[in-house]
Amino acid sequence: TFDAAYNDGKVNLNWQTASEINNDYFDIERSINGSEWVSIGKVEGHGNSYVTHNYTDIDNLEGAIPSGTIYYRLKQVDFNGKFSYSDIKAVNINNTVLNTVIYPNPTNNILNLRWTGMNGNSSILKITNMAGVEIYNQTVVGNGKMQKQIDVSSYPSGSYSAQIINGDIKTSETIQKY
C-alpha cells in the first residue's frame, strides 16, 4: 500500500510491504504536472523479507509551489537495477495563506516583503496611507517564493497599510514609518 496526505505544510508519505524480494531501496518521486518526475528522497529496503514492513517519509515541499495538486509515486529498485512503480497518489493542497513576511516594522528606509506566489496568478503589491490613498502599486509575476524591497524613505512618518494580493487571496499588515 502507498498513501500521501497533506498535513500542516508538509506531505506525509506512508507505505507498507507484505514481503520483499531483492528490494534495494525505494526512490520517492514528486511531480507538479503528473508527467515530469523528480526524485525527492530515498529509503532503504529490507532486501529479502517475508514480514510486513511499514515505511514513512515527509516531503517538506522544498522547491515546490505549496498549492494546487502535487503527485507522488514510489520507484522500488531491486539489487540488480530492475524497478517498478507504485500507483500515483495525488495530493490537493488548497493553500489559502500567502505565507507573508513584511519587515522591518517599524521602518525608516527599506520595507521587505516576502510571500508565496500561487496558482499562476500575478501578485499585486500596494501601500496605502491611513486616508486610503494608494501611494505604491506594483504587479509582480511569478510563482513560489517571492520577495521585493520597497524604498519608503521619502514617505512621511506615520501608519500605512501594506497589501499583497494573489488571485482571490489577500493579506494586509499595518506598518509604521518613522
N, C-alpha and C. Protein backbone atom coordinates (compact mmCIF):
# COMPACT_ATOMS: atom_id res chain seq x y z
N THR A 1 0.84 -1.19 0.00
CA THR A 1 0.00 0.00 0.00
C THR A 1 0.88 1.24 0.00
N PHE A 2 0.33 2.33 -0.49
CA PHE A 2 1.04 3.61 -0.54
C PHE A 2 0.03 4.72 -0.37
N ASP A 3 0.34 5.71 0.49
CA ASP A 3 -0.56 6.82 0.72
C ASP A 3 0.24 8.10 0.89
N ALA A 4 -0.34 9.22 0.44
CA ALA A 4 0.27 10.54 0.58
C ALA A 4 -0.82 11.49 1.06
N ALA A 5 -0.53 12.26 2.13
CA ALA A 5 -1.54 13.17 2.69
C ALA A 5 -0.89 14.46 3.15
N TYR A 6 -1.53 15.59 2.79
CA TYR A 6 -1.05 16.91 3.20
C TYR A 6 -1.43 17.17 4.65
N ASN A 7 -0.47 17.68 5.44
CA ASN A 7 -0.75 17.99 6.84
C ASN A 7 0.19 19.10 7.30
N ASP A 8 -0.37 20.26 7.60
CA ASP A 8 0.36 21.36 8.21
C ASP A 8 1.63 21.75 7.44
N GLY A 9 1.49 21.97 6.14
CA GLY A 9 2.61 22.45 5.33
C GLY A 9 3.55 21.38 4.82
N LYS A 10 3.25 20.11 5.09
CA LYS A 10 4.10 19.01 4.63
C LYS A 10 3.21 17.91 4.06
N VAL A 11 3.83 17.00 3.31
CA VAL A 11 3.11 15.83 2.82
C VAL A 11 3.71 14.60 3.49
N ASN A 12 2.84 13.88 4.21
CA ASN A 12 3.26 12.64 4.86
C ASN A 12 3.08 11.49 3.88
N LEU A 13 4.15 10.73 3.69
CA LEU A 13 4.16 9.59 2.78
C LEU A 13 4.29 8.32 3.61
N ASN A 14 3.38 7.39 3.41
CA ASN A 14 3.38 6.13 4.17
C ASN A 14 3.16 4.98 3.20
N TRP A 15 3.91 3.92 3.37
CA TRP A 15 3.67 2.73 2.57
C TRP A 15 4.05 1.50 3.36
N GLN A 16 3.56 0.37 2.86
CA GLN A 16 3.73 -0.90 3.56
C GLN A 16 3.98 -2.00 2.55
N THR A 17 4.87 -2.92 2.92
CA THR A 17 5.10 -4.11 2.09
C THR A 17 4.74 -5.34 2.90
N ALA A 18 4.15 -6.34 2.25
CA ALA A 18 3.83 -7.60 2.91
C ALA A 18 5.03 -8.54 2.86
N SER A 19 5.82 -8.42 1.79
CA SER A 19 7.06 -9.18 1.65
C SER A 19 7.95 -8.42 0.67
N GLU A 20 9.25 -8.72 0.69
CA GLU A 20 10.20 -8.07 -0.21
C GLU A 20 11.17 -9.10 -0.74
N ILE A 21 11.45 -9.01 -2.04
CA ILE A 21 12.42 -9.91 -2.67
C ILE A 21 13.43 -9.05 -3.42
N ASN A 22 14.70 -9.13 -3.03
CA ASN A 22 15.79 -8.37 -3.64
C ASN A 22 15.54 -6.87 -3.64
N ASN A 23 14.85 -6.36 -2.62
CA ASN A 23 14.49 -4.95 -2.55
C ASN A 23 15.65 -4.12 -2.02
N ASP A 24 16.30 -3.35 -2.91
CA ASP A 24 17.42 -2.49 -2.52
C ASP A 24 16.92 -1.22 -1.85
N TYR A 25 16.03 -0.48 -2.54
CA TYR A 25 15.55 0.79 -1.98
C TYR A 25 14.28 1.27 -2.70
N PHE A 26 13.67 2.27 -2.09
CA PHE A 26 12.55 2.98 -2.70
C PHE A 26 13.02 4.39 -3.03
N ASP A 27 12.76 4.81 -4.24
CA ASP A 27 13.02 6.19 -4.66
C ASP A 27 11.68 6.91 -4.62
N ILE A 28 11.56 7.98 -3.82
CA ILE A 28 10.32 8.73 -3.73
C ILE A 28 10.36 9.82 -4.79
N GLU A 29 9.32 9.86 -5.64
CA GLU A 29 9.29 10.82 -6.74
C GLU A 29 8.08 11.73 -6.61
N ARG A 30 8.27 13.00 -7.02
CA ARG A 30 7.20 14.01 -6.97
C ARG A 30 7.07 14.66 -8.35
N SER A 31 5.83 15.06 -8.67
CA SER A 31 5.56 15.75 -9.92
C SER A 31 4.51 16.83 -9.66
N ILE A 32 4.68 17.97 -10.33
CA ILE A 32 3.66 19.02 -10.21
C ILE A 32 2.69 19.00 -11.39
N ASN A 33 2.97 18.12 -12.39
CA ASN A 33 2.07 18.05 -13.54
C ASN A 33 1.65 16.62 -13.89
N GLY A 34 2.15 15.64 -13.17
CA GLY A 34 1.78 14.25 -13.41
C GLY A 34 2.55 13.56 -14.51
N SER A 35 3.47 14.29 -15.17
CA SER A 35 4.24 13.66 -16.24
C SER A 35 5.75 13.82 -16.09
N GLU A 36 6.19 14.89 -15.46
CA GLU A 36 7.63 15.10 -15.23
C GLU A 36 7.90 14.86 -13.75
N TRP A 37 8.81 13.91 -13.47
CA TRP A 37 9.05 13.46 -12.10
C TRP A 37 10.45 13.80 -11.64
N VAL A 38 10.57 14.15 -10.36
CA VAL A 38 11.88 14.38 -9.74
C VAL A 38 11.98 13.54 -8.48
N SER A 39 13.18 13.05 -8.22
CA SER A 39 13.42 12.27 -7.01
C SER A 39 13.59 13.22 -5.84
N ILE A 40 12.85 12.96 -4.75
CA ILE A 40 12.95 13.83 -3.57
C ILE A 40 13.44 13.07 -2.34
N GLY A 41 13.70 11.79 -2.49
CA GLY A 41 14.20 11.04 -1.34
C GLY A 41 14.42 9.57 -1.67
N LYS A 42 15.17 8.93 -0.81
CA LYS A 42 15.49 7.51 -0.98
C LYS A 42 15.38 6.84 0.39
N VAL A 43 14.69 5.70 0.42
CA VAL A 43 14.53 4.93 1.65
C VAL A 43 15.01 3.51 1.38
N GLU A 44 15.92 3.04 2.21
CA GLU A 44 16.47 1.68 2.05
C GLU A 44 15.40 0.63 2.27
N GLY A 45 15.44 -0.42 1.45
CA GLY A 45 14.53 -1.55 1.59
C GLY A 45 15.09 -2.59 2.55
N HIS A 46 14.39 -3.70 2.70
CA HIS A 46 14.82 -4.77 3.61
C HIS A 46 15.36 -5.98 2.88
N GLY A 47 15.72 -5.83 1.60
CA GLY A 47 16.30 -6.95 0.87
C GLY A 47 15.30 -8.06 0.63
N ASN A 48 15.47 -9.16 1.35
CA ASN A 48 14.55 -10.29 1.27
C ASN A 48 13.87 -10.44 2.63
N SER A 49 12.56 -10.33 2.61
CA SER A 49 11.81 -10.36 3.86
C SER A 49 10.40 -10.90 3.59
N TYR A 50 9.89 -11.66 4.55
CA TYR A 50 8.54 -12.21 4.41
C TYR A 50 7.64 -11.74 5.54
N VAL A 51 7.98 -10.60 6.13
CA VAL A 51 7.15 -10.00 7.16
C VAL A 51 6.76 -8.59 6.70
N THR A 52 5.73 -8.06 7.29
CA THR A 52 5.24 -6.74 6.94
C THR A 52 6.20 -5.66 7.43
N HIS A 53 6.49 -4.69 6.54
CA HIS A 53 7.33 -3.54 6.90
C HIS A 53 6.56 -2.26 6.59
N ASN A 54 6.58 -1.33 7.53
CA ASN A 54 5.96 -0.02 7.36
C ASN A 54 7.04 1.02 7.12
N TYR A 55 6.82 1.88 6.15
CA TYR A 55 7.77 2.93 5.79
C TYR A 55 7.07 4.29 5.87
N THR A 56 7.84 5.30 6.24
CA THR A 56 7.31 6.67 6.26
C THR A 56 8.39 7.63 5.80
N ASP A 57 7.96 8.72 5.22
CA ASP A 57 8.85 9.82 4.87
C ASP A 57 7.99 11.08 4.82
N ILE A 58 8.64 12.22 4.88
CA ILE A 58 7.94 13.50 4.85
C ILE A 58 8.52 14.35 3.74
N ASP A 59 7.63 14.92 2.91
CA ASP A 59 8.05 15.89 1.90
C ASP A 59 7.78 17.28 2.46
N ASN A 60 8.84 18.04 2.72
CA ASN A 60 8.71 19.40 3.23
C ASN A 60 8.38 20.40 2.12
N LEU A 61 8.15 19.90 0.92
CA LEU A 61 7.76 20.68 -0.25
C LEU A 61 8.81 21.69 -0.68
N GLU A 62 10.07 21.42 -0.35
CA GLU A 62 11.15 22.31 -0.79
C GLU A 62 11.24 22.30 -2.30
N GLY A 63 11.24 23.49 -2.88
CA GLY A 63 11.33 23.62 -4.33
C GLY A 63 10.00 23.42 -5.04
N ALA A 64 8.93 23.21 -4.28
CA ALA A 64 7.61 23.03 -4.89
C ALA A 64 6.71 24.19 -4.49
N ILE A 65 5.79 24.53 -5.36
CA ILE A 65 4.80 25.55 -5.05
C ILE A 65 3.77 24.91 -4.12
N PRO A 66 3.60 25.44 -2.93
CA PRO A 66 2.71 24.78 -1.98
C PRO A 66 1.23 25.06 -2.24
N SER A 67 0.79 24.78 -3.45
CA SER A 67 -0.61 25.00 -3.79
C SER A 67 -0.95 24.16 -5.01
N GLY A 68 -2.22 23.81 -5.14
CA GLY A 68 -2.66 23.02 -6.28
C GLY A 68 -2.53 21.55 -6.01
N THR A 69 -2.34 20.76 -7.07
CA THR A 69 -2.22 19.31 -6.94
C THR A 69 -0.77 18.89 -7.17
N ILE A 70 -0.27 18.08 -6.27
CA ILE A 70 1.09 17.53 -6.37
C ILE A 70 0.94 16.01 -6.40
N TYR A 71 1.74 15.36 -7.25
CA TYR A 71 1.64 13.91 -7.44
C TYR A 71 2.87 13.21 -6.87
N TYR A 72 2.65 12.00 -6.34
CA TYR A 72 3.72 11.20 -5.76
C TYR A 72 3.64 9.77 -6.27
N ARG A 73 4.82 9.14 -6.39
CA ARG A 73 4.89 7.72 -6.67
C ARG A 73 6.18 7.18 -6.06
N LEU A 74 6.20 5.86 -5.90
CA LEU A 74 7.40 5.17 -5.40
C LEU A 74 8.01 4.37 -6.54
N LYS A 75 9.31 4.44 -6.63
CA LYS A 75 10.04 3.60 -7.59
C LYS A 75 10.80 2.59 -6.73
N GLN A 76 10.36 1.35 -6.78
CA GLN A 76 11.01 0.29 -6.00
C GLN A 76 12.12 -0.31 -6.86
N VAL A 77 13.35 -0.26 -6.36
CA VAL A 77 14.51 -0.68 -7.14
C VAL A 77 15.14 -1.92 -6.50
N ASP A 78 15.36 -2.96 -7.33
CA ASP A 78 15.99 -4.19 -6.86
C ASP A 78 17.51 -4.05 -6.87
N PHE A 79 18.19 -5.00 -6.22
CA PHE A 79 19.65 -5.01 -6.19
C PHE A 79 20.26 -5.09 -7.58
N ASN A 80 19.56 -5.72 -8.54
CA ASN A 80 20.08 -5.85 -9.90
C ASN A 80 19.71 -4.66 -10.79
N GLY A 81 19.06 -3.64 -10.24
CA GLY A 81 18.72 -2.44 -11.00
C GLY A 81 17.33 -2.45 -11.61
N LYS A 82 16.66 -3.60 -11.61
CA LYS A 82 15.29 -3.63 -12.11
C LYS A 82 14.40 -2.82 -11.17
N PHE A 83 13.35 -2.23 -11.73
CA PHE A 83 12.49 -1.39 -10.89
C PHE A 83 11.04 -1.49 -11.33
N SER A 84 10.16 -1.07 -10.44
CA SER A 84 8.73 -0.96 -10.74
C SER A 84 8.18 0.24 -9.99
N TYR A 85 7.04 0.76 -10.48
CA TYR A 85 6.44 1.94 -9.88
C TYR A 85 5.17 1.58 -9.12
N SER A 86 4.91 2.33 -8.07
CA SER A 86 3.65 2.21 -7.35
C SER A 86 2.57 2.94 -8.11
N ASP A 87 1.36 2.87 -7.60
CA ASP A 87 0.29 3.73 -8.11
C ASP A 87 0.66 5.18 -7.80
N ILE A 88 0.12 6.10 -8.58
CA ILE A 88 0.35 7.53 -8.36
C ILE A 88 -0.70 8.04 -7.39
N LYS A 89 -0.26 8.82 -6.42
CA LYS A 89 -1.15 9.44 -5.45
C LYS A 89 -1.15 10.95 -5.68
N ALA A 90 -2.34 11.53 -5.76
CA ALA A 90 -2.50 12.98 -5.94
C ALA A 90 -2.84 13.61 -4.60
N VAL A 91 -2.17 14.71 -4.29
CA VAL A 91 -2.42 15.45 -3.06
C VAL A 91 -2.85 16.85 -3.46
N ASN A 92 -4.07 17.23 -3.08
CA ASN A 92 -4.58 18.55 -3.41
C ASN A 92 -4.30 19.49 -2.25
N ILE A 93 -3.51 20.51 -2.51
CA ILE A 93 -3.14 21.47 -1.48
C ILE A 93 -3.84 22.78 -1.79
N ASN A 94 -4.91 23.04 -1.10
CA ASN A 94 -5.64 24.30 -1.26
C ASN A 94 -5.14 25.27 -0.23
N ASN A 95 -4.03 25.89 -0.53
CA ASN A 95 -3.41 26.83 0.40
C ASN A 95 -4.09 28.18 0.27
N THR A 96 -4.66 28.64 1.36
CA THR A 96 -5.35 29.93 1.34
C THR A 96 -4.55 30.99 2.07
N VAL A 97 -3.30 30.71 2.33
CA VAL A 97 -2.43 31.66 3.02
C VAL A 97 -1.25 31.97 2.12
N LEU A 98 -0.89 33.24 2.04
CA LEU A 98 0.24 33.64 1.20
C LEU A 98 1.59 33.47 1.89
N ASN A 99 1.60 33.07 3.16
CA ASN A 99 2.84 32.93 3.92
C ASN A 99 3.66 34.21 3.80
N THR A 100 3.08 35.31 4.24
CA THR A 100 3.64 36.64 4.08
C THR A 100 4.52 37.04 5.24
N VAL A 101 5.65 37.69 4.92
CA VAL A 101 6.51 38.30 5.93
C VAL A 101 6.80 39.72 5.44
N ILE A 102 6.47 40.71 6.27
CA ILE A 102 6.74 42.11 5.95
C ILE A 102 7.59 42.66 7.08
N TYR A 103 8.79 43.15 6.77
CA TYR A 103 9.72 43.60 7.80
C TYR A 103 10.68 44.64 7.24
N PRO A 104 11.39 45.41 8.03
CA PRO A 104 11.17 45.59 9.46
C PRO A 104 9.94 46.47 9.69
N ASN A 105 9.38 46.34 10.84
CA ASN A 105 8.21 47.14 11.20
C ASN A 105 8.34 47.53 12.67
N PRO A 106 8.62 48.78 12.95
CA PRO A 106 8.63 49.95 12.06
C PRO A 106 9.88 50.00 11.18
N THR A 107 9.81 50.86 10.16
CA THR A 107 10.91 51.01 9.23
C THR A 107 11.14 52.49 8.94
N ASN A 108 12.32 52.79 8.41
CA ASN A 108 12.62 54.17 8.02
C ASN A 108 12.96 54.26 6.54
N ASN A 109 13.65 53.25 6.01
CA ASN A 109 14.12 53.32 4.63
C ASN A 109 13.56 52.24 3.72
N ILE A 110 13.86 50.99 4.00
CA ILE A 110 13.52 49.87 3.12
C ILE A 110 12.51 48.97 3.80
N LEU A 111 11.44 48.63 3.09
CA LEU A 111 10.45 47.67 3.56
C LEU A 111 10.62 46.40 2.74
N ASN A 112 10.81 45.27 3.39
CA ASN A 112 11.00 43.98 2.74
C ASN A 112 9.68 43.20 2.77
N LEU A 113 9.29 42.67 1.63
CA LEU A 113 8.10 41.84 1.54
C LEU A 113 8.51 40.48 1.00
N ARG A 114 8.08 39.42 1.67
CA ARG A 114 8.28 38.04 1.20
C ARG A 114 6.94 37.33 1.25
N TRP A 115 6.63 36.56 0.21
CA TRP A 115 5.37 35.84 0.14
C TRP A 115 5.50 34.69 -0.82
N THR A 116 4.48 33.87 -0.86
CA THR A 116 4.44 32.74 -1.79
C THR A 116 3.43 33.05 -2.87
N GLY A 117 3.90 33.20 -4.11
CA GLY A 117 3.02 33.39 -5.26
C GLY A 117 2.45 32.04 -5.66
N MET A 118 1.13 31.99 -5.93
CA MET A 118 0.48 30.70 -6.17
C MET A 118 -0.41 30.72 -7.39
N ASN A 119 -0.70 29.52 -7.88
CA ASN A 119 -1.72 29.25 -8.90
C ASN A 119 -1.51 30.01 -10.20
N GLY A 120 -0.30 30.43 -10.50
CA GLY A 120 -0.03 31.13 -11.75
C GLY A 120 -0.55 32.55 -11.78
N ASN A 121 -1.00 33.07 -10.63
CA ASN A 121 -1.51 34.43 -10.57
C ASN A 121 -0.37 35.42 -10.37
N SER A 122 -0.53 36.61 -10.91
CA SER A 122 0.39 37.70 -10.60
C SER A 122 0.06 38.20 -9.20
N SER A 123 1.06 38.74 -8.52
CA SER A 123 0.85 39.32 -7.19
C SER A 123 0.84 40.83 -7.33
N ILE A 124 -0.08 41.47 -6.63
CA ILE A 124 -0.17 42.92 -6.63
C ILE A 124 0.28 43.41 -5.26
N LEU A 125 1.25 44.31 -5.25
CA LEU A 125 1.74 44.91 -4.01
C LEU A 125 1.21 46.32 -3.94
N LYS A 126 0.60 46.67 -2.79
CA LYS A 126 0.04 48.00 -2.62
C LYS A 126 0.43 48.55 -1.26
N ILE A 127 0.67 49.85 -1.22
CA ILE A 127 0.82 50.56 0.05
C ILE A 127 -0.14 51.74 0.00
N THR A 128 -0.96 51.85 1.04
CA THR A 128 -1.90 52.97 1.14
C THR A 128 -1.68 53.67 2.48
N ASN A 129 -1.94 54.99 2.48
CA ASN A 129 -1.86 55.70 3.75
C ASN A 129 -3.17 55.49 4.50
N MET A 130 -3.25 56.02 5.72
CA MET A 130 -4.42 55.78 6.56
C MET A 130 -5.67 56.50 6.05
N ALA A 131 -5.50 57.43 5.12
CA ALA A 131 -6.66 58.07 4.49
C ALA A 131 -7.18 57.23 3.33
N GLY A 132 -6.51 56.10 3.04
CA GLY A 132 -6.94 55.22 1.97
C GLY A 132 -6.37 55.57 0.61
N VAL A 133 -5.44 56.53 0.58
CA VAL A 133 -4.83 56.94 -0.68
C VAL A 133 -3.70 55.96 -1.02
N GLU A 134 -3.77 55.38 -2.23
CA GLU A 134 -2.74 54.45 -2.68
C GLU A 134 -1.50 55.23 -3.08
N ILE A 135 -0.35 54.88 -2.45
CA ILE A 135 0.90 55.58 -2.77
C ILE A 135 1.93 54.67 -3.43
N TYR A 136 1.61 53.38 -3.51
CA TYR A 136 2.52 52.44 -4.18
C TYR A 136 1.66 51.31 -4.74
N ASN A 137 1.94 50.90 -5.99
CA ASN A 137 1.24 49.78 -6.61
C ASN A 137 2.17 49.16 -7.64
N GLN A 138 2.43 47.87 -7.50
CA GLN A 138 3.27 47.17 -8.47
C GLN A 138 2.75 45.75 -8.63
N THR A 139 2.77 45.26 -9.87
CA THR A 139 2.41 43.88 -10.15
C THR A 139 3.69 43.07 -10.33
N VAL A 140 3.76 41.93 -9.65
CA VAL A 140 4.93 41.05 -9.72
C VAL A 140 4.46 39.70 -10.25
N VAL A 141 5.11 39.22 -11.31
CA VAL A 141 4.74 37.96 -11.93
C VAL A 141 5.66 36.86 -11.41
N GLY A 142 5.08 35.72 -11.08
CA GLY A 142 5.88 34.58 -10.65
C GLY A 142 5.14 33.69 -9.67
N ASN A 143 5.64 32.48 -9.52
CA ASN A 143 5.12 31.51 -8.56
C ASN A 143 6.22 31.13 -7.59
N GLY A 144 5.81 30.59 -6.46
CA GLY A 144 6.77 30.14 -5.47
C GLY A 144 7.19 31.28 -4.56
N LYS A 145 8.37 31.13 -3.99
CA LYS A 145 8.85 32.12 -3.03
C LYS A 145 9.25 33.41 -3.75
N MET A 146 8.62 34.50 -3.32
CA MET A 146 8.83 35.80 -3.96
C MET A 146 9.33 36.79 -2.91
N GLN A 147 10.04 37.82 -3.37
CA GLN A 147 10.43 38.88 -2.45
C GLN A 147 10.62 40.18 -3.21
N LYS A 148 10.40 41.28 -2.47
CA LYS A 148 10.51 42.61 -3.06
C LYS A 148 10.92 43.58 -1.96
N GLN A 149 11.80 44.52 -2.31
CA GLN A 149 12.17 45.60 -1.41
C GLN A 149 11.56 46.89 -1.94
N ILE A 150 10.94 47.66 -1.03
CA ILE A 150 10.33 48.92 -1.41
C ILE A 150 11.00 50.03 -0.61
N ASP A 151 11.47 51.05 -1.32
CA ASP A 151 12.10 52.21 -0.67
C ASP A 151 11.00 53.14 -0.18
N VAL A 152 10.88 53.27 1.15
CA VAL A 152 9.85 54.13 1.74
C VAL A 152 10.48 55.37 2.40
N SER A 153 11.75 55.64 2.09
CA SER A 153 12.47 56.74 2.76
C SER A 153 11.82 58.10 2.48
N SER A 154 11.14 58.26 1.35
CA SER A 154 10.53 59.55 1.03
C SER A 154 9.10 59.69 1.59
N TYR A 155 8.56 58.62 2.18
CA TYR A 155 7.21 58.68 2.75
C TYR A 155 7.24 59.46 4.06
N PRO A 156 6.19 60.26 4.33
CA PRO A 156 6.11 60.94 5.63
C PRO A 156 5.97 59.92 6.77
N SER A 157 6.40 60.28 7.96
CA SER A 157 6.22 59.41 9.13
C SER A 157 4.75 59.16 9.35
N GLY A 158 4.41 57.95 9.80
CA GLY A 158 3.02 57.62 10.08
C GLY A 158 2.73 56.15 9.84
N SER A 159 1.44 55.82 9.84
CA SER A 159 0.98 54.44 9.63
C SER A 159 0.54 54.25 8.18
N TYR A 160 0.82 53.04 7.67
CA TYR A 160 0.46 52.67 6.30
C TYR A 160 -0.07 51.24 6.30
N SER A 161 -0.78 50.89 5.26
CA SER A 161 -1.24 49.53 5.07
C SER A 161 -0.48 48.94 3.89
N ALA A 162 0.21 47.82 4.14
CA ALA A 162 0.91 47.10 3.06
C ALA A 162 0.07 45.88 2.71
N GLN A 163 -0.27 45.74 1.42
CA GLN A 163 -1.11 44.63 0.97
C GLN A 163 -0.38 43.82 -0.09
N ILE A 164 -0.62 42.51 -0.03
CA ILE A 164 -0.18 41.60 -1.09
C ILE A 164 -1.43 40.85 -1.53
N ILE A 165 -1.73 40.91 -2.83
CA ILE A 165 -2.92 40.26 -3.37
C ILE A 165 -2.47 39.27 -4.43
N ASN A 166 -2.91 38.02 -4.29
CA ASN A 166 -2.57 36.96 -5.24
C ASN A 166 -3.86 36.21 -5.57
N GLY A 167 -4.45 36.52 -6.72
CA GLY A 167 -5.74 35.91 -7.07
C GLY A 167 -6.81 36.37 -6.09
N ASP A 168 -7.51 35.43 -5.49
CA ASP A 168 -8.55 35.73 -4.52
C ASP A 168 -8.01 35.88 -3.11
N ILE A 169 -6.72 35.68 -2.93
CA ILE A 169 -6.12 35.70 -1.59
C ILE A 169 -5.46 37.05 -1.36
N LYS A 170 -5.78 37.65 -0.23
CA LYS A 170 -5.26 38.98 0.09
C LYS A 170 -4.77 39.00 1.54
N THR A 171 -3.62 39.60 1.75
CA THR A 171 -3.11 39.80 3.10
C THR A 171 -2.76 41.27 3.27
N SER A 172 -2.94 41.76 4.46
CA SER A 172 -2.69 43.17 4.73
C SER A 172 -2.06 43.31 6.11
N GLU A 173 -1.12 44.24 6.23
CA GLU A 173 -0.47 44.49 7.51
C GLU A 173 -0.24 45.98 7.67
N THR A 174 -0.50 46.47 8.87
CA THR A 174 -0.24 47.88 9.17
C THR A 174 1.25 48.03 9.49
N ILE A 175 1.89 48.99 8.84
CA ILE A 175 3.31 49.24 9.08
C ILE A 175 3.48 50.68 9.57
N GLN A 176 4.55 50.89 10.29
CA GLN A 176 4.86 52.20 10.81
C GLN A 176 6.13 52.72 10.13
N LYS A 177 6.07 53.95 9.63
CA LYS A 177 7.25 54.64 9.04
C LYS A 177 7.64 55.71 10.04
N TYR A 178 8.92 55.72 10.46
CA TYR A 178 9.37 56.74 11.41
C TYR A 178 10.32 57.72 10.77
